[in-house]
Amino acid sequence: AGYPMLFSRTQACSTLVSASQRVILNDVAVYFEGKQRELALSMSASH
């Protein structure tokens, strides 16, 4: 299963997570989904 964006890019959802932290966490989520996609593609012969 893909990994979703964790935070809105346009709205603050919490005072506990700053705008810069939201960007970092979203970037990590995008990185993780990309790595999962690469893994799935490289293992497609293994179903």
All heavy atoms as atom14 arrays in JSON, in Angstrom:
{
  "sequence": "AGYPMLFSRTQACSTLVSASQRVILNDVAVYFEGKQRELALSMSASH",
  "atom14_mask": [
    [1, 1, 1, 1, 1, 0, 0, 0, 0, 0, 0, 0, 0, 0],
    [1, 1, 1, 1, 0, 0, 0, 0, 0, 0, 0, 0, 0, 0],
    [1, 1, 1, 1, 1, 1, 1, 1, 1, 1, 1, 1, 0, 0],
    [1, 1, 1, 1, 1, 1, 1, 0, 0, 0, 0, 0, 0, 0],
    [1, 1, 1, 1, 1, 1, 1, 1, 0, 0, 0, 0, 0, 0],
    [1, 1, 1, 1, 1, 1, 1, 1, 0, 0, 0, 0, 0, 0],
    [1, 1, 1, 1, 1, 1, 1, 1, 1, 1, 1, 0, 0, 0],
    [1, 1, 1, 1, 1, 1, 0, 0, 0, 0, 0, 0, 0, 0],
    [1, 1, 1, 1, 1, 1, 1, 1, 1, 1, 1, 0, 0, 0],
    [1, 1, 1, 1, 1, 1, 1, 0, 0, 0, 0, 0, 0, 0],
    [1, 1, 1, 1, 1, 1, 1, 1, 1, 0, 0, 0, 0, 0],
    [1, 1, 1, 1, 1, 0, 0, 0, 0, 0, 0, 0, 0, 0],
    [1, 1, 1, 1, 1, 1, 0, 0, 0, 0, 0, 0, 0, 0],
    [1, 1, 1, 1, 1, 1, 0, 0, 0, 0, 0, 0, 0, 0],
    [1, 1, 1, 1, 1, 1, 1, 0, 0, 0, 0, 0, 0, 0],
    [1, 1, 1, 1, 1, 1, 1, 1, 0, 0, 0, 0, 0, 0],
    [1, 1, 1, 1, 1, 1, 1, 0, 0, 0, 0, 0, 0, 0],
    [1, 1, 1, 1, 1, 1, 0, 0, 0, 0, 0, 0, 0, 0],
    [1, 1, 1, 1, 1, 0, 0, 0, 0, 0, 0, 0, 0, 0],
    [1, 1, 1, 1, 1, 1, 0, 0, 0, 0, 0, 0, 0, 0],
    [1, 1, 1, 1, 1, 1, 1, 1, 1, 0, 0, 0, 0, 0],
    [1, 1, 1, 1, 1, 1, 1, 1, 1, 1, 1, 0, 0, 0],
    [1, 1, 1, 1, 1, 1, 1, 0, 0, 0, 0, 0, 0, 0],
    [1, 1, 1, 1, 1, 1, 1, 1, 0, 0, 0, 0, 0, 0],
    [1, 1, 1, 1, 1, 1, 1, 1, 0, 0, 0, 0, 0, 0],
    [1, 1, 1, 1, 1, 1, 1, 1, 0, 0, 0, 0, 0, 0],
    [1, 1, 1, 1, 1, 1, 1, 1, 0, 0, 0, 0, 0, 0],
    [1, 1, 1, 1, 1, 1, 1, 0, 0, 0, 0, 0, 0, 0],
    [1, 1, 1, 1, 1, 0, 0, 0, 0, 0, 0, 0, 0, 0],
    [1, 1, 1, 1, 1, 1, 1, 0, 0, 0, 0, 0, 0, 0],
    [1, 1, 1, 1, 1, 1, 1, 1, 1, 1, 1, 1, 0, 0],
    [1, 1, 1, 1, 1, 1, 1, 1, 1, 1, 1, 0, 0, 0],
    [1, 1, 1, 1, 1, 1, 1, 1, 1, 0, 0, 0, 0, 0],
    [1, 1, 1, 1, 0, 0, 0, 0, 0, 0, 0, 0, 0, 0],
    [1, 1, 1, 1, 1, 1, 1, 1, 1, 0, 0, 0, 0, 0],
    [1, 1, 1, 1, 1, 1, 1, 1, 1, 0, 0, 0, 0, 0],
    [1, 1, 1, 1, 1, 1, 1, 1, 1, 1, 1, 0, 0, 0],
    [1, 1, 1, 1, 1, 1, 1, 1, 1, 0, 0, 0, 0, 0],
    [1, 1, 1, 1, 1, 1, 1, 1, 0, 0, 0, 0, 0, 0],
    [1, 1, 1, 1, 1, 0, 0, 0, 0, 0, 0, 0, 0, 0],
    [1, 1, 1, 1, 1, 1, 1, 1, 0, 0, 0, 0, 0, 0],
    [1, 1, 1, 1, 1, 1, 0, 0, 0, 0, 0, 0, 0, 0],
    [1, 1, 1, 1, 1, 1, 1, 1, 0, 0, 0, 0, 0, 0],
    [1, 1, 1, 1, 1, 1, 0, 0, 0, 0, 0, 0, 0, 0],
    [1, 1, 1, 1, 1, 0, 0, 0, 0, 0, 0, 0, 0, 0],
    [1, 1, 1, 1, 1, 1, 0, 0, 0, 0, 0, 0, 0, 0],
    [1, 1, 1, 1, 1, 1, 1, 1, 1, 1, 0, 0, 0, 0]
  ],
  "atom14_positions": [
    [[0.85, -1.2, 0.0], [0.0, 0.0, 0.0], [0.88, 1.24, 0.0], [1.93, 1.28, 0.65], [-0.91, 0.0, 1.22], [0.0, 0.0, 0.0], [0.0, 0.0, 0.0], [0.0, 0.0, 0.0], [0.0, 0.0, 0.0], [0.0, 0.0, 0.0], [0.0, 0.0, 0.0], [0.0, 0.0, 0.0], [0.0, 0.0, 0.0], [0.0, 0.0, 0.0]],
    [[0.46, 2.24, -0.73], [1.19, 3.5, -0.77], [1.16, 4.2, 0.57], [0.39, 3.85, 1.48], [0.0, 0.0, 0.0], [0.0, 0.0, 0.0], [0.0, 0.0, 0.0], [0.0, 0.0, 0.0], [0.0, 0.0, 0.0], [0.0, 0.0, 0.0], [0.0, 0.0, 0.0], [0.0, 0.0, 0.0], [0.0, 0.0, 0.0], [0.0, 0.0, 0.0]],
    [[2.0, 5.18, 0.72], [2.09, 5.93, 1.96], [1.58, 7.34, 1.71], [2.08, 8.04, 0.83], [3.55, 5.96, 2.43], [3.67, 6.09, 3.92], [3.53, 4.99, 4.74], [3.91, 7.33, 4.5], [3.65, 5.11, 6.11], [4.02, 7.46, 5.87], [3.89, 6.35, 6.67], [3.99, 6.47, 8.02], [0.0, 0.0, 0.0], [0.0, 0.0, 0.0]],
    [[0.57, 7.79, 2.46], [-0.04, 9.11, 2.18], [0.8, 10.28, 2.7], [1.65, 10.11, 3.55], [-1.36, 9.03, 2.95], [-1.02, 8.16, 4.12], [-0.05, 7.12, 3.58], [0.0, 0.0, 0.0], [0.0, 0.0, 0.0], [0.0, 0.0, 0.0], [0.0, 0.0, 0.0], [0.0, 0.0, 0.0], [0.0, 0.0, 0.0], [0.0, 0.0, 0.0]],
    [[0.48, 11.44, 2.2], [1.03, 12.66, 2.76], [0.49, 12.76, 4.19], [-0.68, 12.49, 4.43], [0.59, 13.88, 1.96], [1.1, 13.91, 0.54], [2.81, 14.35, 0.47], [2.64, 16.1, 0.43], [0.0, 0.0, 0.0], [0.0, 0.0, 0.0], [0.0, 0.0, 0.0], [0.0, 0.0, 0.0], [0.0, 0.0, 0.0], [0.0, 0.0, 0.0]],
    [[1.32, 13.16, 5.11], [0.91, 13.2, 6.5], [0.21, 14.49, 6.89], [-0.64, 14.5, 7.78], [2.14, 12.98, 7.4], [2.85, 11.64, 7.2], [4.13, 11.61, 8.02], [1.94, 10.5, 7.57], [0.0, 0.0, 0.0], [0.0, 0.0, 0.0], [0.0, 0.0, 0.0], [0.0, 0.0, 0.0], [0.0, 0.0, 0.0], [0.0, 0.0, 0.0]],
    [[0.56, 15.59, 6.23], [0.03, 16.89, 6.6], [-0.35, 17.68, 5.36], [0.24, 17.52, 4.3], [1.07, 17.7, 7.39], [1.49, 17.04, 8.68], [2.64, 16.28, 8.74], [0.71, 17.16, 9.81], [3.02, 15.65, 9.91], [1.08, 16.54, 10.99], [2.24, 15.78, 11.05], [0.0, 0.0, 0.0], [0.0, 0.0, 0.0], [0.0, 0.0, 0.0]],
    [[-1.3, 18.57, 5.54], [-1.67, 19.49, 4.48], [-0.49, 20.41, 4.17], [0.22, 20.83, 5.08], [-2.87, 20.34, 4.92], [-3.07, 21.41, 4.03], [0.0, 0.0, 0.0], [0.0, 0.0, 0.0], [0.0, 0.0, 0.0], [0.0, 0.0, 0.0], [0.0, 0.0, 0.0], [0.0, 0.0, 0.0], [0.0, 0.0, 0.0], [0.0, 0.0, 0.0]],
    [[-0.3, 20.7, 2.9], [0.76, 21.64, 2.53], [0.32, 23.09, 2.71], [1.13, 23.99, 2.72], [1.18, 21.41, 1.08], [1.91, 20.1, 0.86], [2.67, 20.15, -0.45], [3.32, 18.9, -0.74], [4.55, 18.59, -0.36], [5.24, 19.43, 0.35], [5.08, 17.43, -0.68], [0.0, 0.0, 0.0], [0.0, 0.0, 0.0], [0.0, 0.0, 0.0]],
    [[-0.99, 23.3, 2.84], [-1.49, 24.67, 2.86], [-2.08, 25.11, 4.19], [-2.22, 26.3, 4.43], [-2.56, 24.87, 1.77], [-3.62, 23.94, 2.0], [-1.96, 24.66, 0.39], [0.0, 0.0, 0.0], [0.0, 0.0, 0.0], [0.0, 0.0, 0.0], [0.0, 0.0, 0.0], [0.0, 0.0, 0.0], [0.0, 0.0, 0.0], [0.0, 0.0, 0.0]],
    [[-2.44, 24.18, 5.05], [-3.09, 24.56, 6.31], [-2.33, 24.03, 7.5], [-1.87, 22.89, 7.49], [-4.51, 24.02, 6.36], [-5.44, 24.62, 5.33], [-6.83, 24.04, 5.44], [-7.04, 23.0, 6.03], [-7.79, 24.74, 4.85], [0.0, 0.0, 0.0], [0.0, 0.0, 0.0], [0.0, 0.0, 0.0], [0.0, 0.0, 0.0], [0.0, 0.0, 0.0]],
    [[-2.25, 24.83, 8.51], [-1.67, 24.37, 9.77], [-2.72, 23.51, 10.47], [-3.87, 23.9, 10.6], [-1.29, 25.55, 10.64], [0.0, 0.0, 0.0], [0.0, 0.0, 0.0], [0.0, 0.0, 0.0], [0.0, 0.0, 0.0], [0.0, 0.0, 0.0], [0.0, 0.0, 0.0], [0.0, 0.0, 0.0], [0.0, 0.0, 0.0], [0.0, 0.0, 0.0]],
    [[-2.32, 22.34, 10.88], [-3.28, 21.45, 11.52], [-3.01, 21.29, 13.0], [-3.79, 20.68, 13.71], [-3.27, 20.09, 10.82], [-1.66, 19.33, 10.83], [0.0, 0.0, 0.0], [0.0, 0.0, 0.0], [0.0, 0.0, 0.0], [0.0, 0.0, 0.0], [0.0, 0.0, 0.0], [0.0, 0.0, 0.0], [0.0, 0.0, 0.0], [0.0, 0.0, 0.0]],
    [[-1.9, 21.82, 13.44], [-1.54, 21.64, 14.83], [-0.5, 22.66, 15.23], [0.33, 23.07, 14.42], [-0.98, 20.23, 15.05], [-0.39, 20.11, 16.3], [0.0, 0.0, 0.0], [0.0, 0.0, 0.0], [0.0, 0.0, 0.0], [0.0, 0.0, 0.0], [0.0, 0.0, 0.0], [0.0, 0.0, 0.0], [0.0, 0.0, 0.0], [0.0, 0.0, 0.0]],
    [[-0.52, 23.05, 16.47], [0.54, 23.92, 16.97], [1.75, 23.1, 17.39], [2.8, 23.66, 17.7], [0.04, 24.75, 18.16], [-0.42, 23.86, 19.19], [-1.09, 25.68, 17.74], [0.0, 0.0, 0.0], [0.0, 0.0, 0.0], [0.0, 0.0, 0.0], [0.0, 0.0, 0.0], [0.0, 0.0, 0.0], [0.0, 0.0, 0.0], [0.0, 0.0, 0.0]],
    [[1.62, 21.79, 17.39], [2.72, 20.91, 17.8], [3.71, 20.65, 16.67], [4.84, 20.25, 16.92], [2.16, 19.57, 18.31], [1.24, 19.65, 19.52], [0.67, 18.28, 19.84], [1.96, 20.25, 20.72], [0.0, 0.0, 0.0], [0.0, 0.0, 0.0], [0.0, 0.0, 0.0], [0.0, 0.0, 0.0], [0.0, 0.0, 0.0], [0.0, 0.0, 0.0]],
    [[3.27, 20.85, 15.43], [4.12, 20.58, 14.28], [4.23, 21.86, 13.46], [3.23, 22.35, 12.94], [3.54, 19.43, 13.41], [4.45, 19.13, 12.23], [3.31, 18.19, 14.26], [0.0, 0.0, 0.0], [0.0, 0.0, 0.0], [0.0, 0.0, 0.0], [0.0, 0.0, 0.0], [0.0, 0.0, 0.0], [0.0, 0.0, 0.0], [0.0, 0.0, 0.0]],
    [[5.43, 22.37, 13.35], [5.63, 23.63, 12.63], [5.53, 23.41, 11.12], [5.54, 22.27, 10.63], [7.01, 24.21, 12.94], [8.03, 23.4, 12.35], [0.0, 0.0, 0.0], [0.0, 0.0, 0.0], [0.0, 0.0, 0.0], [0.0, 0.0, 0.0], [0.0, 0.0, 0.0], [0.0, 0.0, 0.0], [0.0, 0.0, 0.0], [0.0, 0.0, 0.0]],
    [[5.43, 24.5, 10.38], [5.34, 24.43, 8.92], [6.57, 23.73, 8.34], [6.45, 22.89, 7.45], [5.19, 25.83, 8.33], [0.0, 0.0, 0.0], [0.0, 0.0, 0.0], [0.0, 0.0, 0.0], [0.0, 0.0, 0.0], [0.0, 0.0, 0.0], [0.0, 0.0, 0.0], [0.0, 0.0, 0.0], [0.0, 0.0, 0.0], [0.0, 0.0, 0.0]],
    [[7.75, 24.04, 8.84], [8.97, 23.41, 8.31], [9.01, 21.92, 8.66], [9.46, 21.1, 7.85], [10.22, 24.11, 8.83], [10.3, 24.04, 10.23], [0.0, 0.0, 0.0], [0.0, 0.0, 0.0], [0.0, 0.0, 0.0], [0.0, 0.0, 0.0], [0.0, 0.0, 0.0], [0.0, 0.0, 0.0], [0.0, 0.0, 0.0], [0.0, 0.0, 0.0]],
    [[8.51, 21.55, 9.83], [8.44, 20.13, 10.19], [7.45, 19.38, 9.31], [7.7, 18.24, 8.92], [8.06, 19.97, 11.66], [9.16, 20.42, 12.61], [8.68, 20.48, 14.05], [7.53, 20.83, 14.33], [9.57, 20.14, 14.97], [0.0, 0.0, 0.0], [0.0, 0.0, 0.0], [0.0, 0.0, 0.0], [0.0, 0.0, 0.0], [0.0, 0.0, 0.0]],
    [[6.32, 20.04, 8.99], [5.34, 19.4, 8.1], [5.96, 19.11, 6.74], [5.74, 18.05, 6.16], [4.1, 20.27, 7.96], [3.24, 20.3, 9.21], [1.85, 20.89, 8.96], [1.85, 22.18, 8.28], [1.89, 23.36, 8.88], [1.98, 23.43, 10.2], [1.85, 24.47, 8.19], [0.0, 0.0, 0.0], [0.0, 0.0, 0.0], [0.0, 0.0, 0.0]],
    [[6.73, 20.05, 6.23], [7.39, 19.85, 4.94], [8.34, 18.66, 5.01], [8.35, 17.8, 4.14], [8.14, 21.13, 4.5], [9.05, 20.87, 3.31], [7.15, 22.24, 4.18], [0.0, 0.0, 0.0], [0.0, 0.0, 0.0], [0.0, 0.0, 0.0], [0.0, 0.0, 0.0], [0.0, 0.0, 0.0], [0.0, 0.0, 0.0], [0.0, 0.0, 0.0]],
    [[9.14, 18.6, 6.06], [10.1, 17.5, 6.22], [9.37, 16.16, 6.31], [9.73, 15.19, 5.62], [10.98, 17.72, 7.46], [11.93, 18.89, 7.23], [11.77, 16.45, 7.81], [12.63, 19.39, 8.49], [0.0, 0.0, 0.0], [0.0, 0.0, 0.0], [0.0, 0.0, 0.0], [0.0, 0.0, 0.0], [0.0, 0.0, 0.0], [0.0, 0.0, 0.0]],
    [[8.34, 16.1, 7.14], [7.61, 14.84, 7.3], [6.89, 14.42, 6.02], [6.86, 13.24, 5.68], [6.63, 14.95, 8.47], [7.31, 15.07, 9.84], [6.29, 15.41, 10.91], [8.06, 13.79, 10.19], [0.0, 0.0, 0.0], [0.0, 0.0, 0.0], [0.0, 0.0, 0.0], [0.0, 0.0, 0.0], [0.0, 0.0, 0.0], [0.0, 0.0, 0.0]],
    [[6.33, 15.37, 5.29], [5.72, 15.05, 4.0], [6.77, 14.55, 3.0], [6.53, 13.61, 2.25], [4.97, 16.25, 3.43], [3.61, 16.42, 4.05], [3.02, 15.49, 4.59], [3.09, 17.64, 3.97], [0.0, 0.0, 0.0], [0.0, 0.0, 0.0], [0.0, 0.0, 0.0], [0.0, 0.0, 0.0], [0.0, 0.0, 0.0], [0.0, 0.0, 0.0]],
    [[7.93, 15.19, 2.99], [9.0, 14.76, 2.09], [9.45, 13.34, 2.41], [9.72, 12.54, 1.51], [10.19, 15.71, 2.15], [9.92, 17.05, 1.48], [8.9, 17.17, 0.77], [10.72, 17.98, 1.69], [0.0, 0.0, 0.0], [0.0, 0.0, 0.0], [0.0, 0.0, 0.0], [0.0, 0.0, 0.0], [0.0, 0.0, 0.0], [0.0, 0.0, 0.0]],
    [[9.51, 13.01, 3.69], [9.88, 11.64, 4.1], [8.81, 10.65, 3.64], [9.13, 9.56, 3.16], [10.12, 11.57, 5.62], [10.23, 10.15, 6.1], [11.37, 12.36, 5.99], [0.0, 0.0, 0.0], [0.0, 0.0, 0.0], [0.0, 0.0, 0.0], [0.0, 0.0, 0.0], [0.0, 0.0, 0.0], [0.0, 0.0, 0.0], [0.0, 0.0, 0.0]],
    [[7.54, 11.02, 3.76], [6.46, 10.15, 3.31], [6.56, 9.9, 1.81], [6.39, 8.77, 1.34], [5.1, 10.74, 3.67], [0.0, 0.0, 0.0], [0.0, 0.0, 0.0], [0.0, 0.0, 0.0], [0.0, 0.0, 0.0], [0.0, 0.0, 0.0], [0.0, 0.0, 0.0], [0.0, 0.0, 0.0], [0.0, 0.0, 0.0], [0.0, 0.0, 0.0]],
    [[6.85, 10.94, 1.05], [7.0, 10.81, -0.41], [8.2, 9.9, -0.72], [8.14, 9.03, -1.6], [7.15, 12.19, -1.08], [7.6, 12.08, -2.52], [5.85, 12.96, -0.97], [0.0, 0.0, 0.0], [0.0, 0.0, 0.0], [0.0, 0.0, 0.0], [0.0, 0.0, 0.0], [0.0, 0.0, 0.0], [0.0, 0.0, 0.0], [0.0, 0.0, 0.0]],
    [[9.29, 10.08, 0.0], [10.48, 9.24, -0.19], [10.15, 7.78, 0.08], [10.52, 6.9, -0.7], [11.6, 9.73, 0.73], [12.88, 8.95, 0.61], [13.77, 9.2, -0.44], [13.2, 7.95, 1.52], [14.95, 8.49, -0.56], [14.38, 7.23, 1.41], [15.25, 7.5, 0.36], [16.41, 6.77, 0.25], [0.0, 0.0, 0.0], [0.0, 0.0, 0.0]],
    [[9.44, 7.52, 1.19], [9.09, 6.15, 1.55], [8.2, 5.52, 0.49], [8.43, 4.38, 0.08], [8.4, 6.13, 2.91], [8.12, 4.76, 3.46], [8.97, 3.7, 3.24], [7.0, 4.55, 4.25], [8.72, 2.45, 3.77], [6.73, 3.3, 4.78], [7.59, 2.24, 4.53], [0.0, 0.0, 0.0], [0.0, 0.0, 0.0], [0.0, 0.0, 0.0]],
    [[7.21, 6.25, 0.01], [6.34, 5.69, -1.02], [7.14, 5.39, -2.3], [6.94, 4.37, -2.94], [5.18, 6.62, -1.35], [4.29, 5.98, -2.39], [3.01, 6.73, -2.64], [2.81, 7.83, -2.11], [2.19, 6.19, -3.39], [0.0, 0.0, 0.0], [0.0, 0.0, 0.0], [0.0, 0.0, 0.0], [0.0, 0.0, 0.0], [0.0, 0.0, 0.0]],
    [[8.06, 6.27, -2.65], [8.89, 6.03, -3.83], [9.74, 4.78, -3.68], [9.88, 3.99, -4.62], [0.0, 0.0, 0.0], [0.0, 0.0, 0.0], [0.0, 0.0, 0.0], [0.0, 0.0, 0.0], [0.0, 0.0, 0.0], [0.0, 0.0, 0.0], [0.0, 0.0, 0.0], [0.0, 0.0, 0.0], [0.0, 0.0, 0.0], [0.0, 0.0, 0.0]],
    [[10.3, 4.58, -2.51], [11.11, 3.38, -2.26], [10.24, 2.13, -2.32], [10.67, 1.09, -2.85], [11.82, 3.47, -0.91], [12.95, 4.47, -0.91], [14.01, 4.02, -1.9], [15.2, 4.91, -1.93], [16.25, 4.43, -2.81], [0.0, 0.0, 0.0], [0.0, 0.0, 0.0], [0.0, 0.0, 0.0], [0.0, 0.0, 0.0], [0.0, 0.0, 0.0]],
    [[9.02, 2.2, -1.78], [8.12, 1.05, -1.87], [7.76, 0.76, -3.33], [7.7, -0.4, -3.74], [6.83, 1.3, -1.08], [6.97, 1.12, 0.39], [5.63, 1.18, 1.09], [4.79, 2.02, 0.76], [5.44, 0.33, 2.05], [0.0, 0.0, 0.0], [0.0, 0.0, 0.0], [0.0, 0.0, 0.0], [0.0, 0.0, 0.0], [0.0, 0.0, 0.0]],
    [[7.52, 1.8, -4.1], [7.18, 1.63, -5.51], [8.35, 0.97, -6.26], [8.16, 0.04, -7.04], [6.84, 2.98, -6.14], [6.35, 2.9, -7.58], [5.95, 4.27, -8.11], [5.02, 4.96, -7.25], [3.7, 4.73, -7.22], [3.18, 3.82, -8.0], [2.91, 5.43, -6.41], [0.0, 0.0, 0.0], [0.0, 0.0, 0.0], [0.0, 0.0, 0.0]],
    [[9.57, 1.44, -6.0], [10.75, 0.83, -6.62], [10.86, -0.64, -6.24], [11.18, -1.48, -7.08], [12.03, 1.55, -6.17], [12.22, 2.92, -6.74], [13.44, 3.64, -6.14], [14.27, 2.98, -5.48], [13.54, 4.86, -6.33], [0.0, 0.0, 0.0], [0.0, 0.0, 0.0], [0.0, 0.0, 0.0], [0.0, 0.0, 0.0], [0.0, 0.0, 0.0]],
    [[10.62, -0.94, -4.98], [10.68, -2.32, -4.5], [9.65, -3.18, -5.23], [9.98, -4.26, -5.72], [10.45, -2.38, -2.99], [10.41, -3.76, -2.36], [11.72, -4.5, -2.55], [10.07, -3.64, -0.88], [0.0, 0.0, 0.0], [0.0, 0.0, 0.0], [0.0, 0.0, 0.0], [0.0, 0.0, 0.0], [0.0, 0.0, 0.0], [0.0, 0.0, 0.0]],
    [[8.42, -2.71, -5.3], [7.37, -3.47, -5.97], [7.71, -3.71, -7.44], [7.55, -4.82, -7.94], [6.03, -2.76, -5.83], [0.0, 0.0, 0.0], [0.0, 0.0, 0.0], [0.0, 0.0, 0.0], [0.0, 0.0, 0.0], [0.0, 0.0, 0.0], [0.0, 0.0, 0.0], [0.0, 0.0, 0.0], [0.0, 0.0, 0.0], [0.0, 0.0, 0.0]],
    [[8.2, -2.68, -8.11], [8.56, -2.84, -9.52], [9.71, -3.82, -9.7], [9.7, -4.64, -10.63], [8.92, -1.48, -10.14], [7.75, -0.52, -10.31], [8.26, 0.86, -10.73], [6.75, -1.06, -11.33], [0.0, 0.0, 0.0], [0.0, 0.0, 0.0], [0.0, 0.0, 0.0], [0.0, 0.0, 0.0], [0.0, 0.0, 0.0], [0.0, 0.0, 0.0]],
    [[10.68, -3.77, -8.81], [11.84, -4.67, -8.94], [11.48, -6.11, -8.6], [12.19, -7.03, -9.0], [12.99, -4.2, -8.04], [12.7, -4.45, -6.67], [0.0, 0.0, 0.0], [0.0, 0.0, 0.0], [0.0, 0.0, 0.0], [0.0, 0.0, 0.0], [0.0, 0.0, 0.0], [0.0, 0.0, 0.0], [0.0, 0.0, 0.0], [0.0, 0.0, 0.0]],
    [[10.36, -6.3, -7.89], [9.95, -7.65, -7.51], [8.67, -8.1, -8.22], [8.02, -9.04, -7.79], [9.76, -7.72, -5.98], [11.03, -7.49, -5.19], [10.8, -7.81, -3.44], [10.68, -9.61, -3.44], [0.0, 0.0, 0.0], [0.0, 0.0, 0.0], [0.0, 0.0, 0.0], [0.0, 0.0, 0.0], [0.0, 0.0, 0.0], [0.0, 0.0, 0.0]],
    [[8.34, -7.45, -9.31], [7.09, -7.79, -10.0], [7.08, -9.23, -10.48], [6.03, -9.87, -10.53], [6.84, -6.83, -11.15], [7.87, -6.93, -12.13], [0.0, 0.0, 0.0], [0.0, 0.0, 0.0], [0.0, 0.0, 0.0], [0.0, 0.0, 0.0], [0.0, 0.0, 0.0], [0.0, 0.0, 0.0], [0.0, 0.0, 0.0], [0.0, 0.0, 0.0]],
    [[8.24, -9.79, -10.81], [8.3, -11.19, -11.23], [7.97, -12.14, -10.08], [7.6, -13.29, -10.31], [9.69, -11.51, -11.79], [0.0, 0.0, 0.0], [0.0, 0.0, 0.0], [0.0, 0.0, 0.0], [0.0, 0.0, 0.0], [0.0, 0.0, 0.0], [0.0, 0.0, 0.0], [0.0, 0.0, 0.0], [0.0, 0.0, 0.0], [0.0, 0.0, 0.0]],
    [[8.07, -11.63, -8.86], [7.72, -12.42, -7.67], [6.31, -12.12, -7.19], [5.96, -12.37, -6.05], [8.72, -12.12, -6.54], [10.02, -12.49, -6.91], [0.0, 0.0, 0.0], [0.0, 0.0, 0.0], [0.0, 0.0, 0.0], [0.0, 0.0, 0.0], [0.0, 0.0, 0.0], [0.0, 0.0, 0.0], [0.0, 0.0, 0.0], [0.0, 0.0, 0.0]],
    [[5.5, -11.56, -8.1], [4.09, -11.25, -7.81], [3.92, -10.18, -6.73], [2.99, -10.23, -5.95], [3.31, -12.51, -7.43], [3.38, -13.59, -8.45], [2.7, -13.53, -9.63], [4.09, -14.74, -8.48], [2.96, -14.61, -10.35], [3.81, -15.35, -9.67], [0.0, 0.0, 0.0], [0.0, 0.0, 0.0], [0.0, 0.0, 0.0], [0.0, 0.0, 0.0]]
  ]
}
